[in-house]
């Protein structure tokens, strides 16, 4: 068997060498964070945090486990008991794959901040990843990706989307065909019923 899971190579890393990533959309409410502290106080660290090792800077960038990391930062009793060391398993992946790993870890157990999730989709788009790639690696369907793109309001994110001729983005002034009708527009329809139906 040639593959060996990262958990078999757990390292004890000084917390000063660990830093959060800047994209994690997972949030924990204060009661749950207090419960996490209590769990670590009673049971110790039972799971390592997951990091990418940046050899140039000798820093470990968190992929998963930010709140376990924060417990050690926020609670001196945990820091002292653990000697300032966190258990870390290391994955060696480029940024887009690390982002996907973070989302997969989070979606299996937690809640996401929607705005931050839309930022993730934007950043992956900027890195050249397609909707199909995002769907496969983040476990999202096309509708969810579309909704997250809509939150950003960036037209560039919709390049891949297939829209009919009725949807035409434009810059500047509205064409005549897009303006609201006025009463004069109906002068030729005097014999038509006053009841008008609008398609929404």
N, C-alpha and C. Protein backbone atom coordinates (compact mmCIF):
# COMPACT_ATOMS: atom_id res chain seq x y z
N UNK A 1 0.86 -1.19 0.00
CA UNK A 1 0.00 0.00 0.00
C UNK A 1 0.89 1.24 0.00
N UNK A 2 0.81 2.05 -1.07
CA UNK A 2 1.74 3.18 -1.22
C UNK A 2 1.22 4.46 -0.59
N UNK A 3 -0.11 4.63 -0.54
CA UNK A 3 -0.65 5.88 0.00
C UNK A 3 -0.69 5.83 1.52
N UNK A 4 -0.28 6.93 2.14
CA UNK A 4 -0.33 7.02 3.60
C UNK A 4 -1.03 8.31 3.97
N UNK A 5 -2.12 8.23 4.71
CA UNK A 5 -2.89 9.41 5.08
C UNK A 5 -2.07 10.35 5.96
N UNK A 6 -2.31 11.66 5.80
CA UNK A 6 -1.54 12.66 6.58
C UNK A 6 -1.62 12.47 8.08
N UNK A 7 -2.71 11.88 8.57
CA UNK A 7 -2.88 11.73 10.02
C UNK A 7 -1.82 10.83 10.66
N UNK A 8 -1.15 10.01 9.84
CA UNK A 8 -0.10 9.14 10.38
C UNK A 8 1.23 9.87 10.57
N UNK A 9 1.27 11.13 10.14
CA UNK A 9 2.50 11.91 10.29
C UNK A 9 2.28 13.17 11.11
N UNK A 10 1.51 13.07 12.19
CA UNK A 10 1.19 14.24 13.01
C UNK A 10 2.45 14.82 13.64
N UNK A 11 2.56 16.16 13.56
CA UNK A 11 3.70 16.88 14.12
C UNK A 11 3.24 17.75 15.28
N UNK A 12 4.09 17.91 16.28
CA UNK A 12 3.84 18.86 17.36
C UNK A 12 4.49 20.18 16.96
N UNK A 13 3.67 21.19 16.63
CA UNK A 13 4.17 22.44 16.06
C UNK A 13 3.92 23.59 17.03
N UNK A 14 4.95 24.43 17.30
CA UNK A 14 4.72 25.62 18.13
C UNK A 14 3.64 26.50 17.51
N UNK A 15 2.70 26.95 18.32
CA UNK A 15 1.57 27.71 17.80
C UNK A 15 2.04 29.00 17.11
N UNK A 16 3.20 29.51 17.49
CA UNK A 16 3.73 30.72 16.87
C UNK A 16 4.07 30.53 15.41
N UNK A 17 4.25 29.27 14.99
CA UNK A 17 4.56 28.98 13.59
C UNK A 17 3.30 28.70 12.76
N UNK A 18 2.14 28.75 13.41
CA UNK A 18 0.88 28.44 12.72
C UNK A 18 0.13 29.74 12.45
N UNK A 19 -0.46 29.85 11.26
CA UNK A 19 -1.25 31.03 10.96
C UNK A 19 -2.52 30.64 10.22
N UNK A 20 -3.60 31.38 10.46
CA UNK A 20 -4.87 31.09 9.77
C UNK A 20 -4.76 31.38 8.28
N UNK A 21 -5.61 30.73 7.50
CA UNK A 21 -5.76 31.14 6.10
C UNK A 21 -6.66 32.36 6.07
N UNK A 22 -6.80 32.98 4.91
CA UNK A 22 -7.60 34.20 4.82
C UNK A 22 -8.91 33.99 4.07
N UNK A 23 -9.37 32.73 4.01
CA UNK A 23 -10.57 32.46 3.22
C UNK A 23 -11.60 31.59 3.93
N UNK A 24 -11.31 31.07 5.10
CA UNK A 24 -12.20 30.09 5.73
C UNK A 24 -13.58 30.68 6.03
N UNK A 25 -14.65 30.11 5.44
CA UNK A 25 -15.99 30.66 5.66
C UNK A 25 -16.75 30.01 6.82
N UNK A 26 -16.09 29.15 7.60
CA UNK A 26 -16.78 28.48 8.69
C UNK A 26 -16.79 29.37 9.93
N UNK A 27 -17.94 29.47 10.58
CA UNK A 27 -18.06 30.27 11.79
C UNK A 27 -18.62 29.41 12.92
N UNK A 28 -18.21 29.73 14.14
CA UNK A 28 -18.70 29.02 15.32
C UNK A 28 -19.25 30.04 16.30
N UNK A 29 -20.49 29.84 16.74
CA UNK A 29 -21.11 30.75 17.69
C UNK A 29 -20.46 30.61 19.07
N UNK A 30 -20.51 31.67 19.90
CA UNK A 30 -19.87 31.63 21.22
C UNK A 30 -20.21 30.39 22.07
N UNK A 31 -21.48 29.95 22.14
CA UNK A 31 -21.74 28.75 22.96
C UNK A 31 -21.00 27.51 22.47
N UNK A 32 -20.96 27.34 21.14
CA UNK A 32 -20.26 26.18 20.59
C UNK A 32 -18.75 26.31 20.79
N UNK A 33 -18.24 27.55 20.71
CA UNK A 33 -16.81 27.75 20.94
C UNK A 33 -16.45 27.43 22.40
N UNK A 34 -17.31 27.82 23.32
CA UNK A 34 -17.09 27.49 24.74
C UNK A 34 -17.12 25.98 24.95
N UNK A 35 -18.04 25.31 24.23
CA UNK A 35 -18.11 23.86 24.33
C UNK A 35 -16.85 23.20 23.77
N UNK A 36 -16.31 23.78 22.69
CA UNK A 36 -15.06 23.26 22.13
C UNK A 36 -13.93 23.40 23.15
N UNK A 37 -13.88 24.56 23.82
CA UNK A 37 -12.87 24.75 24.88
C UNK A 37 -13.04 23.68 25.96
N UNK A 38 -14.28 23.47 26.39
CA UNK A 38 -14.53 22.48 27.44
C UNK A 38 -14.11 21.09 27.00
N UNK A 39 -14.38 20.77 25.75
CA UNK A 39 -13.99 19.47 25.20
C UNK A 39 -12.48 19.30 25.24
N UNK A 40 -11.75 20.33 24.79
CA UNK A 40 -10.28 20.25 24.78
C UNK A 40 -9.73 20.23 26.20
N UNK A 41 -10.39 20.96 27.11
CA UNK A 41 -9.97 20.96 28.52
C UNK A 41 -10.13 19.58 29.13
N UNK A 42 -11.25 18.93 28.85
CA UNK A 42 -11.55 17.63 29.47
C UNK A 42 -10.84 16.47 28.77
N UNK A 43 -10.82 16.52 27.43
CA UNK A 43 -10.34 15.36 26.66
C UNK A 43 -9.00 15.57 25.98
N UNK A 44 -8.49 16.81 26.00
CA UNK A 44 -7.28 17.11 25.27
C UNK A 44 -7.56 17.26 23.78
N UNK A 45 -6.52 17.49 23.01
CA UNK A 45 -6.67 17.54 21.54
C UNK A 45 -6.74 16.12 21.02
N UNK A 46 -7.90 15.74 20.54
CA UNK A 46 -8.08 14.38 20.03
C UNK A 46 -7.94 14.31 18.51
N UNK A 47 -7.96 15.48 17.85
CA UNK A 47 -7.79 15.54 16.40
C UNK A 47 -6.76 16.60 16.08
N UNK A 48 -5.85 16.31 15.16
CA UNK A 48 -4.89 17.34 14.76
C UNK A 48 -5.58 18.40 13.91
N UNK A 49 -4.98 19.58 13.82
CA UNK A 49 -5.43 20.53 12.82
C UNK A 49 -4.69 20.20 11.52
N UNK A 50 -5.26 20.63 10.41
CA UNK A 50 -4.69 20.32 9.10
C UNK A 50 -4.05 21.59 8.55
N UNK A 51 -2.80 21.49 8.10
CA UNK A 51 -2.07 22.65 7.61
C UNK A 51 -1.32 22.35 6.32
N UNK A 52 -1.00 23.41 5.63
CA UNK A 52 -0.05 23.39 4.51
C UNK A 52 1.24 24.01 5.04
N UNK A 53 2.38 23.36 4.77
CA UNK A 53 3.64 23.89 5.26
C UNK A 53 4.31 24.76 4.21
N UNK A 54 4.51 26.03 4.54
CA UNK A 54 5.21 26.98 3.68
C UNK A 54 6.68 26.97 4.09
N UNK A 55 7.48 26.20 3.35
CA UNK A 55 8.88 26.01 3.74
C UNK A 55 9.69 27.30 3.66
N UNK A 56 9.38 28.17 2.71
CA UNK A 56 10.14 29.41 2.56
C UNK A 56 10.04 30.29 3.80
N UNK A 57 8.85 30.32 4.40
CA UNK A 57 8.64 31.16 5.57
C UNK A 57 8.64 30.37 6.88
N UNK A 58 8.78 29.05 6.78
CA UNK A 58 8.72 28.17 7.94
C UNK A 58 7.43 28.43 8.73
N UNK A 59 6.30 28.43 8.01
CA UNK A 59 5.00 28.67 8.62
C UNK A 59 4.01 27.59 8.17
N UNK A 60 3.10 27.26 9.06
CA UNK A 60 2.06 26.29 8.79
C UNK A 60 0.74 27.05 8.59
N UNK A 61 0.14 26.95 7.40
CA UNK A 61 -1.08 27.67 7.06
C UNK A 61 -2.27 26.73 7.28
N UNK A 62 -3.21 27.16 8.11
CA UNK A 62 -4.33 26.30 8.47
C UNK A 62 -5.25 26.03 7.28
N UNK A 63 -5.54 24.77 7.07
CA UNK A 63 -6.54 24.33 6.10
C UNK A 63 -7.83 23.97 6.82
N UNK A 64 -7.70 23.30 7.96
CA UNK A 64 -8.85 22.95 8.78
C UNK A 64 -8.42 22.92 10.25
N UNK A 65 -9.28 23.44 11.12
CA UNK A 65 -8.98 23.40 12.55
C UNK A 65 -8.74 24.76 13.17
N UNK A 66 -9.20 25.82 12.50
CA UNK A 66 -8.95 27.17 13.00
C UNK A 66 -9.44 27.36 14.43
N UNK A 67 -10.61 26.83 14.75
CA UNK A 67 -11.18 27.07 16.08
C UNK A 67 -10.44 26.28 17.16
N UNK A 68 -9.89 25.12 16.83
CA UNK A 68 -9.04 24.39 17.78
C UNK A 68 -7.75 25.19 18.02
N UNK A 69 -7.25 25.80 16.98
CA UNK A 69 -6.08 26.69 17.09
C UNK A 69 -6.41 27.89 17.98
N UNK A 70 -7.60 28.47 17.76
CA UNK A 70 -7.98 29.66 18.53
C UNK A 70 -8.17 29.36 20.01
N UNK A 71 -8.62 28.17 20.33
CA UNK A 71 -8.77 27.79 21.74
C UNK A 71 -7.44 27.93 22.46
N UNK A 72 -6.37 27.48 21.82
CA UNK A 72 -5.05 27.59 22.45
C UNK A 72 -4.62 29.04 22.57
N UNK A 73 -4.97 29.87 21.58
CA UNK A 73 -4.63 31.29 21.66
C UNK A 73 -5.41 32.01 22.75
N UNK A 74 -6.69 31.65 22.89
CA UNK A 74 -7.57 32.40 23.79
C UNK A 74 -7.54 31.93 25.24
N UNK A 75 -7.10 30.71 25.47
CA UNK A 75 -7.14 30.15 26.83
C UNK A 75 -5.73 29.78 27.30
N UNK A 76 -5.16 30.60 28.18
CA UNK A 76 -3.79 30.35 28.67
C UNK A 76 -3.63 28.98 29.33
N UNK A 77 -4.68 28.48 29.97
CA UNK A 77 -4.55 27.17 30.63
C UNK A 77 -4.29 26.06 29.61
N UNK A 78 -4.93 26.17 28.44
CA UNK A 78 -4.69 25.18 27.38
C UNK A 78 -3.28 25.34 26.82
N UNK A 79 -2.88 26.59 26.58
CA UNK A 79 -1.54 26.86 26.05
C UNK A 79 -0.47 26.27 26.97
N UNK A 80 -0.61 26.53 28.26
CA UNK A 80 0.40 26.07 29.23
C UNK A 80 0.41 24.55 29.33
N UNK A 81 -0.77 23.96 29.39
CA UNK A 81 -0.84 22.50 29.52
C UNK A 81 -0.20 21.81 28.33
N UNK A 82 -0.43 22.36 27.12
CA UNK A 82 0.07 21.73 25.89
C UNK A 82 1.49 22.19 25.55
N UNK A 83 2.07 23.09 26.37
CA UNK A 83 3.41 23.58 26.09
C UNK A 83 3.46 24.42 24.82
N UNK A 84 2.32 25.02 24.45
CA UNK A 84 2.29 25.87 23.26
C UNK A 84 2.41 25.10 21.95
N UNK A 85 2.20 23.80 22.00
CA UNK A 85 2.33 22.95 20.80
C UNK A 85 0.97 22.45 20.35
N UNK A 86 0.72 22.51 19.05
CA UNK A 86 -0.51 21.98 18.47
C UNK A 86 -0.20 20.76 17.61
N UNK A 87 -1.06 19.72 17.68
CA UNK A 87 -0.87 18.59 16.77
C UNK A 87 -1.31 18.98 15.35
N UNK A 88 -0.43 18.75 14.39
CA UNK A 88 -0.69 19.18 13.02
C UNK A 88 -0.44 18.02 12.05
N UNK A 89 -1.41 17.80 11.16
CA UNK A 89 -1.15 16.92 10.02
C UNK A 89 -1.02 17.82 8.79
N UNK A 90 -0.10 17.48 7.92
CA UNK A 90 0.26 18.36 6.81
C UNK A 90 -0.20 17.78 5.48
N UNK A 91 -0.84 18.64 4.67
CA UNK A 91 -1.15 18.28 3.29
C UNK A 91 -0.38 19.23 2.38
N UNK A 92 0.11 18.70 1.28
CA UNK A 92 0.91 19.50 0.35
C UNK A 92 0.11 19.68 -0.95
N UNK A 93 -0.64 20.78 -1.01
CA UNK A 93 -1.49 21.05 -2.16
C UNK A 93 -1.41 22.52 -2.53
N UNK A 94 -1.66 22.86 -3.79
CA UNK A 94 -1.71 24.28 -4.18
C UNK A 94 -2.94 24.94 -3.58
N UNK A 95 -2.99 26.27 -3.63
CA UNK A 95 -4.02 27.05 -2.95
C UNK A 95 -5.44 26.63 -3.30
N UNK A 96 -5.74 26.47 -4.60
CA UNK A 96 -7.13 26.15 -4.96
C UNK A 96 -7.57 24.81 -4.37
N UNK A 97 -6.67 23.83 -4.35
CA UNK A 97 -7.01 22.53 -3.77
C UNK A 97 -7.10 22.61 -2.25
N UNK A 98 -6.30 23.49 -1.62
CA UNK A 98 -6.42 23.69 -0.17
C UNK A 98 -7.76 24.33 0.17
N UNK A 99 -8.18 25.30 -0.64
CA UNK A 99 -9.48 25.92 -0.42
C UNK A 99 -10.59 24.88 -0.51
N UNK A 100 -10.49 24.02 -1.51
CA UNK A 100 -11.49 22.96 -1.66
C UNK A 100 -11.46 22.02 -0.47
N UNK A 101 -10.26 21.71 0.04
CA UNK A 101 -10.16 20.84 1.22
C UNK A 101 -10.83 21.48 2.42
N UNK A 102 -10.62 22.79 2.61
CA UNK A 102 -11.24 23.50 3.73
C UNK A 102 -12.75 23.39 3.65
N UNK A 103 -13.31 23.63 2.46
CA UNK A 103 -14.76 23.58 2.31
C UNK A 103 -15.29 22.18 2.56
N UNK A 104 -14.59 21.16 2.06
CA UNK A 104 -15.05 19.79 2.28
C UNK A 104 -15.06 19.45 3.77
N UNK A 105 -14.00 19.84 4.48
CA UNK A 105 -13.96 19.60 5.93
C UNK A 105 -15.13 20.30 6.62
N UNK A 106 -15.35 21.55 6.26
CA UNK A 106 -16.39 22.34 6.92
C UNK A 106 -17.79 21.84 6.62
N UNK A 107 -18.06 21.53 5.36
CA UNK A 107 -19.41 21.15 4.97
C UNK A 107 -19.84 19.84 5.61
N UNK A 108 -18.87 19.04 6.00
CA UNK A 108 -19.20 17.76 6.63
C UNK A 108 -19.73 17.94 8.05
N UNK A 109 -19.53 19.14 8.63
CA UNK A 109 -19.93 19.26 10.04
C UNK A 109 -20.42 20.64 10.45
N UNK A 110 -20.15 21.70 9.68
CA UNK A 110 -20.41 23.04 10.19
C UNK A 110 -21.28 23.89 9.29
N UNK A 111 -21.42 25.15 9.70
CA UNK A 111 -22.18 26.14 8.94
C UNK A 111 -21.22 27.13 8.30
N UNK A 112 -21.63 27.67 7.18
CA UNK A 112 -20.79 28.60 6.45
C UNK A 112 -21.38 30.00 6.46
N UNK A 113 -20.51 30.99 6.48
CA UNK A 113 -20.91 32.36 6.24
C UNK A 113 -21.10 32.52 4.74
N UNK A 114 -22.31 32.91 4.33
CA UNK A 114 -22.65 32.94 2.90
C UNK A 114 -21.77 33.92 2.13
N UNK A 115 -21.52 35.10 2.70
CA UNK A 115 -20.68 36.08 2.01
C UNK A 115 -19.28 35.54 1.78
N UNK A 116 -18.74 34.87 2.80
CA UNK A 116 -17.39 34.31 2.65
C UNK A 116 -17.38 33.16 1.65
N UNK A 117 -18.46 32.38 1.61
CA UNK A 117 -18.55 31.32 0.61
C UNK A 117 -18.57 31.90 -0.79
N UNK A 118 -19.29 33.01 -0.98
CA UNK A 118 -19.32 33.63 -2.31
C UNK A 118 -17.93 34.16 -2.67
N UNK A 119 -17.19 34.63 -1.67
CA UNK A 119 -15.81 35.08 -1.93
C UNK A 119 -14.92 33.92 -2.36
N UNK A 120 -15.16 32.75 -1.76
CA UNK A 120 -14.41 31.55 -2.15
C UNK A 120 -14.65 31.25 -3.63
N UNK A 121 -15.91 31.27 -4.03
CA UNK A 121 -16.26 30.98 -5.43
C UNK A 121 -15.59 32.01 -6.34
N UNK A 122 -15.61 33.27 -5.94
CA UNK A 122 -14.96 34.32 -6.73
C UNK A 122 -13.47 34.07 -6.86
N UNK A 123 -12.83 33.72 -5.73
CA UNK A 123 -11.38 33.52 -5.77
C UNK A 123 -11.01 32.31 -6.61
N UNK A 124 -11.78 31.23 -6.50
CA UNK A 124 -11.52 30.06 -7.33
C UNK A 124 -11.73 30.40 -8.81
N UNK A 125 -12.73 31.21 -9.09
CA UNK A 125 -12.96 31.68 -10.46
C UNK A 125 -11.76 32.47 -10.96
N UNK A 126 -11.23 33.35 -10.09
CA UNK A 126 -10.07 34.15 -10.47
C UNK A 126 -8.83 33.29 -10.68
N UNK A 127 -8.78 32.14 -10.00
CA UNK A 127 -7.66 31.21 -10.17
C UNK A 127 -7.84 30.34 -11.42
N UNK A 128 -8.94 30.57 -12.14
CA UNK A 128 -9.15 29.85 -13.39
C UNK A 128 -9.97 28.58 -13.28
N UNK A 129 -10.61 28.38 -12.13
CA UNK A 129 -11.39 27.15 -11.96
C UNK A 129 -12.81 27.32 -12.49
N UNK A 130 -13.28 26.32 -13.20
CA UNK A 130 -14.60 26.36 -13.82
C UNK A 130 -15.68 26.00 -12.81
N UNK A 131 -16.94 26.26 -13.19
CA UNK A 131 -18.06 25.84 -12.35
C UNK A 131 -18.04 24.33 -12.15
N UNK A 132 -17.66 23.60 -13.19
CA UNK A 132 -17.62 22.13 -13.10
C UNK A 132 -16.59 21.70 -12.06
N UNK A 133 -15.43 22.36 -12.05
CA UNK A 133 -14.38 22.03 -11.07
C UNK A 133 -14.88 22.35 -9.66
N UNK A 134 -15.48 23.53 -9.50
CA UNK A 134 -16.00 23.94 -8.19
C UNK A 134 -17.06 22.96 -7.70
N UNK A 135 -17.94 22.58 -8.60
CA UNK A 135 -19.00 21.63 -8.25
C UNK A 135 -18.41 20.31 -7.77
N UNK A 136 -17.42 19.82 -8.49
CA UNK A 136 -16.82 18.52 -8.15
C UNK A 136 -16.05 18.58 -6.84
N UNK A 137 -15.25 19.61 -6.64
CA UNK A 137 -14.34 19.64 -5.50
C UNK A 137 -14.95 20.23 -4.24
N UNK A 138 -16.01 21.04 -4.37
CA UNK A 138 -16.64 21.64 -3.20
C UNK A 138 -17.98 21.00 -2.87
N UNK A 139 -18.41 20.06 -3.72
CA UNK A 139 -19.66 19.36 -3.44
C UNK A 139 -20.89 20.24 -3.59
N UNK A 140 -20.87 21.16 -4.54
CA UNK A 140 -22.00 22.07 -4.76
C UNK A 140 -22.69 21.73 -6.07
N UNK A 141 -24.02 21.96 -6.09
CA UNK A 141 -24.70 21.81 -7.38
C UNK A 141 -24.70 23.15 -8.10
N UNK A 142 -25.14 23.13 -9.36
CA UNK A 142 -25.07 24.32 -10.21
C UNK A 142 -25.88 25.48 -9.64
N UNK A 143 -27.04 25.16 -9.05
CA UNK A 143 -27.89 26.23 -8.48
C UNK A 143 -27.20 26.93 -7.32
N UNK A 144 -26.53 26.16 -6.47
CA UNK A 144 -25.83 26.77 -5.32
C UNK A 144 -24.70 27.67 -5.79
N UNK A 145 -23.95 27.22 -6.78
CA UNK A 145 -22.87 28.04 -7.33
C UNK A 145 -23.43 29.32 -7.92
N UNK A 146 -24.53 29.20 -8.66
CA UNK A 146 -25.16 30.38 -9.26
C UNK A 146 -25.60 31.38 -8.19
N UNK A 147 -26.23 30.88 -7.12
CA UNK A 147 -26.68 31.78 -6.05
C UNK A 147 -25.50 32.50 -5.40
N UNK A 148 -24.40 31.78 -5.18
CA UNK A 148 -23.22 32.41 -4.57
C UNK A 148 -22.61 33.44 -5.51
N UNK A 149 -22.64 33.18 -6.81
CA UNK A 149 -22.14 34.15 -7.78
C UNK A 149 -23.01 35.41 -7.78
N UNK A 150 -24.31 35.21 -7.65
CA UNK A 150 -25.23 36.36 -7.65
C UNK A 150 -24.96 37.29 -6.48
N UNK A 151 -24.53 36.73 -5.35
CA UNK A 151 -24.26 37.55 -4.17
C UNK A 151 -23.13 38.53 -4.45
N UNK A 152 -22.14 38.12 -5.23
CA UNK A 152 -20.99 38.99 -5.48
C UNK A 152 -21.35 40.15 -6.40
N UNK A 153 -22.31 39.96 -7.30
CA UNK A 153 -22.69 41.01 -8.23
C UNK A 153 -21.67 41.26 -9.32
N UNK A 154 -20.71 40.35 -9.49
CA UNK A 154 -19.67 40.54 -10.51
C UNK A 154 -20.07 39.84 -11.80
N UNK A 155 -20.26 40.62 -12.85
CA UNK A 155 -20.70 40.05 -14.13
C UNK A 155 -19.70 39.06 -14.69
N UNK A 156 -18.41 39.25 -14.39
CA UNK A 156 -17.37 38.37 -14.93
C UNK A 156 -17.57 36.92 -14.51
N UNK A 157 -18.24 36.70 -13.38
CA UNK A 157 -18.43 35.34 -12.91
C UNK A 157 -19.44 34.57 -13.75
N UNK A 158 -20.21 35.27 -14.59
CA UNK A 158 -21.27 34.62 -15.34
C UNK A 158 -20.86 34.28 -16.77
N UNK A 159 -19.57 34.38 -17.07
CA UNK A 159 -19.12 34.11 -18.44
C UNK A 159 -19.50 32.71 -18.90
N UNK A 160 -19.45 31.74 -17.96
CA UNK A 160 -19.73 30.35 -18.33
C UNK A 160 -21.23 30.07 -18.42
N UNK A 161 -22.04 30.92 -17.81
CA UNK A 161 -23.47 30.63 -17.71
C UNK A 161 -24.15 30.79 -19.06
N UNK A 162 -25.08 29.89 -19.34
CA UNK A 162 -25.83 29.96 -20.59
C UNK A 162 -27.11 30.73 -20.38
N UNK A 163 -27.21 31.91 -20.94
CA UNK A 163 -28.41 32.72 -20.83
C UNK A 163 -29.06 32.84 -22.20
N UNK A 164 -30.38 32.96 -22.20
CA UNK A 164 -31.10 33.17 -23.45
C UNK A 164 -30.91 34.59 -23.96
N UNK A 165 -31.45 34.87 -25.13
CA UNK A 165 -31.30 36.19 -25.73
C UNK A 165 -31.99 37.28 -24.92
N UNK A 166 -32.94 36.89 -24.06
CA UNK A 166 -33.67 37.88 -23.27
C UNK A 166 -32.78 38.51 -22.21
N UNK A 167 -31.67 37.87 -21.88
CA UNK A 167 -30.77 38.38 -20.85
C UNK A 167 -29.51 38.88 -21.52
N UNK A 168 -29.38 40.18 -21.62
CA UNK A 168 -28.23 40.77 -22.29
C UNK A 168 -27.62 41.83 -21.39
N UNK A 169 -26.45 41.56 -20.80
CA UNK A 169 -25.83 42.58 -19.96
C UNK A 169 -25.31 43.73 -20.82
N UNK A 170 -25.39 44.94 -20.29
CA UNK A 170 -24.90 46.10 -21.02
C UNK A 170 -24.40 47.12 -20.04
N UNK A 171 -23.56 48.03 -20.54
CA UNK A 171 -23.05 49.13 -19.74
C UNK A 171 -23.65 50.41 -20.28
N UNK A 172 -23.98 51.32 -19.38
CA UNK A 172 -24.47 52.62 -19.83
C UNK A 172 -25.98 52.70 -19.83
N UNK A 173 -26.51 53.48 -20.78
CA UNK A 173 -27.94 53.79 -20.81
C UNK A 173 -28.76 52.62 -21.33
N UNK A 174 -29.96 52.46 -20.79
CA UNK A 174 -30.83 51.38 -21.24
C UNK A 174 -31.27 51.62 -22.69
N UNK A 175 -31.33 50.54 -23.48
CA UNK A 175 -31.88 50.70 -24.84
C UNK A 175 -33.37 50.95 -24.75
N UNK A 176 -33.94 51.51 -25.85
CA UNK A 176 -35.38 51.81 -25.85
C UNK A 176 -36.22 50.59 -25.53
N UNK A 177 -35.75 49.43 -25.98
CA UNK A 177 -36.53 48.21 -25.78
C UNK A 177 -36.62 47.82 -24.31
N UNK A 178 -35.74 48.37 -23.45
CA UNK A 178 -35.71 47.97 -22.05
C UNK A 178 -36.45 48.94 -21.14
N UNK A 179 -36.89 50.12 -21.69
CA UNK A 179 -37.51 51.11 -20.81
C UNK A 179 -38.94 50.71 -20.47
N UNK A 180 -39.47 51.29 -19.40
CA UNK A 180 -40.84 51.05 -18.99
C UNK A 180 -41.79 51.64 -20.03
N UNK A 181 -42.88 50.95 -20.33
CA UNK A 181 -43.84 51.50 -21.29
C UNK A 181 -44.58 52.71 -20.71
N UNK A 182 -44.91 53.65 -21.56
CA UNK A 182 -45.71 54.80 -21.16
C UNK A 182 -47.09 54.67 -21.77
N UNK A 183 -48.02 55.54 -21.32
CA UNK A 183 -49.38 55.43 -21.83
C UNK A 183 -49.44 55.61 -23.34
N UNK A 184 -48.51 56.43 -23.90
CA UNK A 184 -48.49 56.65 -25.35
C UNK A 184 -48.18 55.40 -26.14
N UNK A 185 -47.50 54.45 -25.50
CA UNK A 185 -47.14 53.23 -26.20
C UNK A 185 -48.35 52.37 -26.55
N UNK A 186 -49.49 52.64 -25.90
CA UNK A 186 -50.66 51.80 -26.12
C UNK A 186 -51.73 52.47 -26.98
N UNK A 187 -51.36 53.61 -27.65
CA UNK A 187 -52.35 54.34 -28.44
C UNK A 187 -52.95 53.51 -29.56
N UNK A 188 -52.15 52.57 -30.10
CA UNK A 188 -52.63 51.77 -31.22
C UNK A 188 -53.50 50.60 -30.77
N UNK A 189 -53.74 50.51 -29.46
CA UNK A 189 -54.46 49.34 -28.95
C UNK A 189 -55.74 49.75 -28.23
N UNK A 190 -56.45 50.77 -28.79
CA UNK A 190 -57.67 51.26 -28.16
C UNK A 190 -58.75 50.18 -28.07
N UNK A 191 -58.72 49.25 -29.03
CA UNK A 191 -59.77 48.25 -29.03
C UNK A 191 -59.45 47.05 -28.14
N UNK A 192 -58.29 47.11 -27.50
CA UNK A 192 -57.87 46.00 -26.64
C UNK A 192 -58.39 46.24 -25.23
N UNK A 193 -58.70 45.19 -24.51
CA UNK A 193 -59.20 45.31 -23.14
C UNK A 193 -58.20 46.08 -22.29
N UNK A 194 -58.74 46.81 -21.31
CA UNK A 194 -57.88 47.57 -20.39
C UNK A 194 -57.06 46.66 -19.48
N UNK A 195 -57.38 45.39 -19.45
CA UNK A 195 -56.67 44.48 -18.56
C UNK A 195 -55.36 44.06 -19.23
N UNK A 196 -54.25 44.38 -18.59
CA UNK A 196 -52.93 44.07 -19.14
C UNK A 196 -52.23 43.09 -18.21
N UNK A 197 -51.61 42.09 -18.79
CA UNK A 197 -50.92 41.09 -17.98
C UNK A 197 -49.40 41.31 -18.12
N UNK A 198 -48.74 41.34 -17.03
CA UNK A 198 -47.30 41.48 -17.04
C UNK A 198 -46.65 40.14 -16.69
N UNK A 199 -45.63 39.83 -17.41
CA UNK A 199 -44.87 38.61 -17.13
C UNK A 199 -43.79 38.96 -16.15
N UNK A 200 -43.73 38.24 -15.05
CA UNK A 200 -42.69 38.51 -14.04
C UNK A 200 -41.63 37.43 -14.11
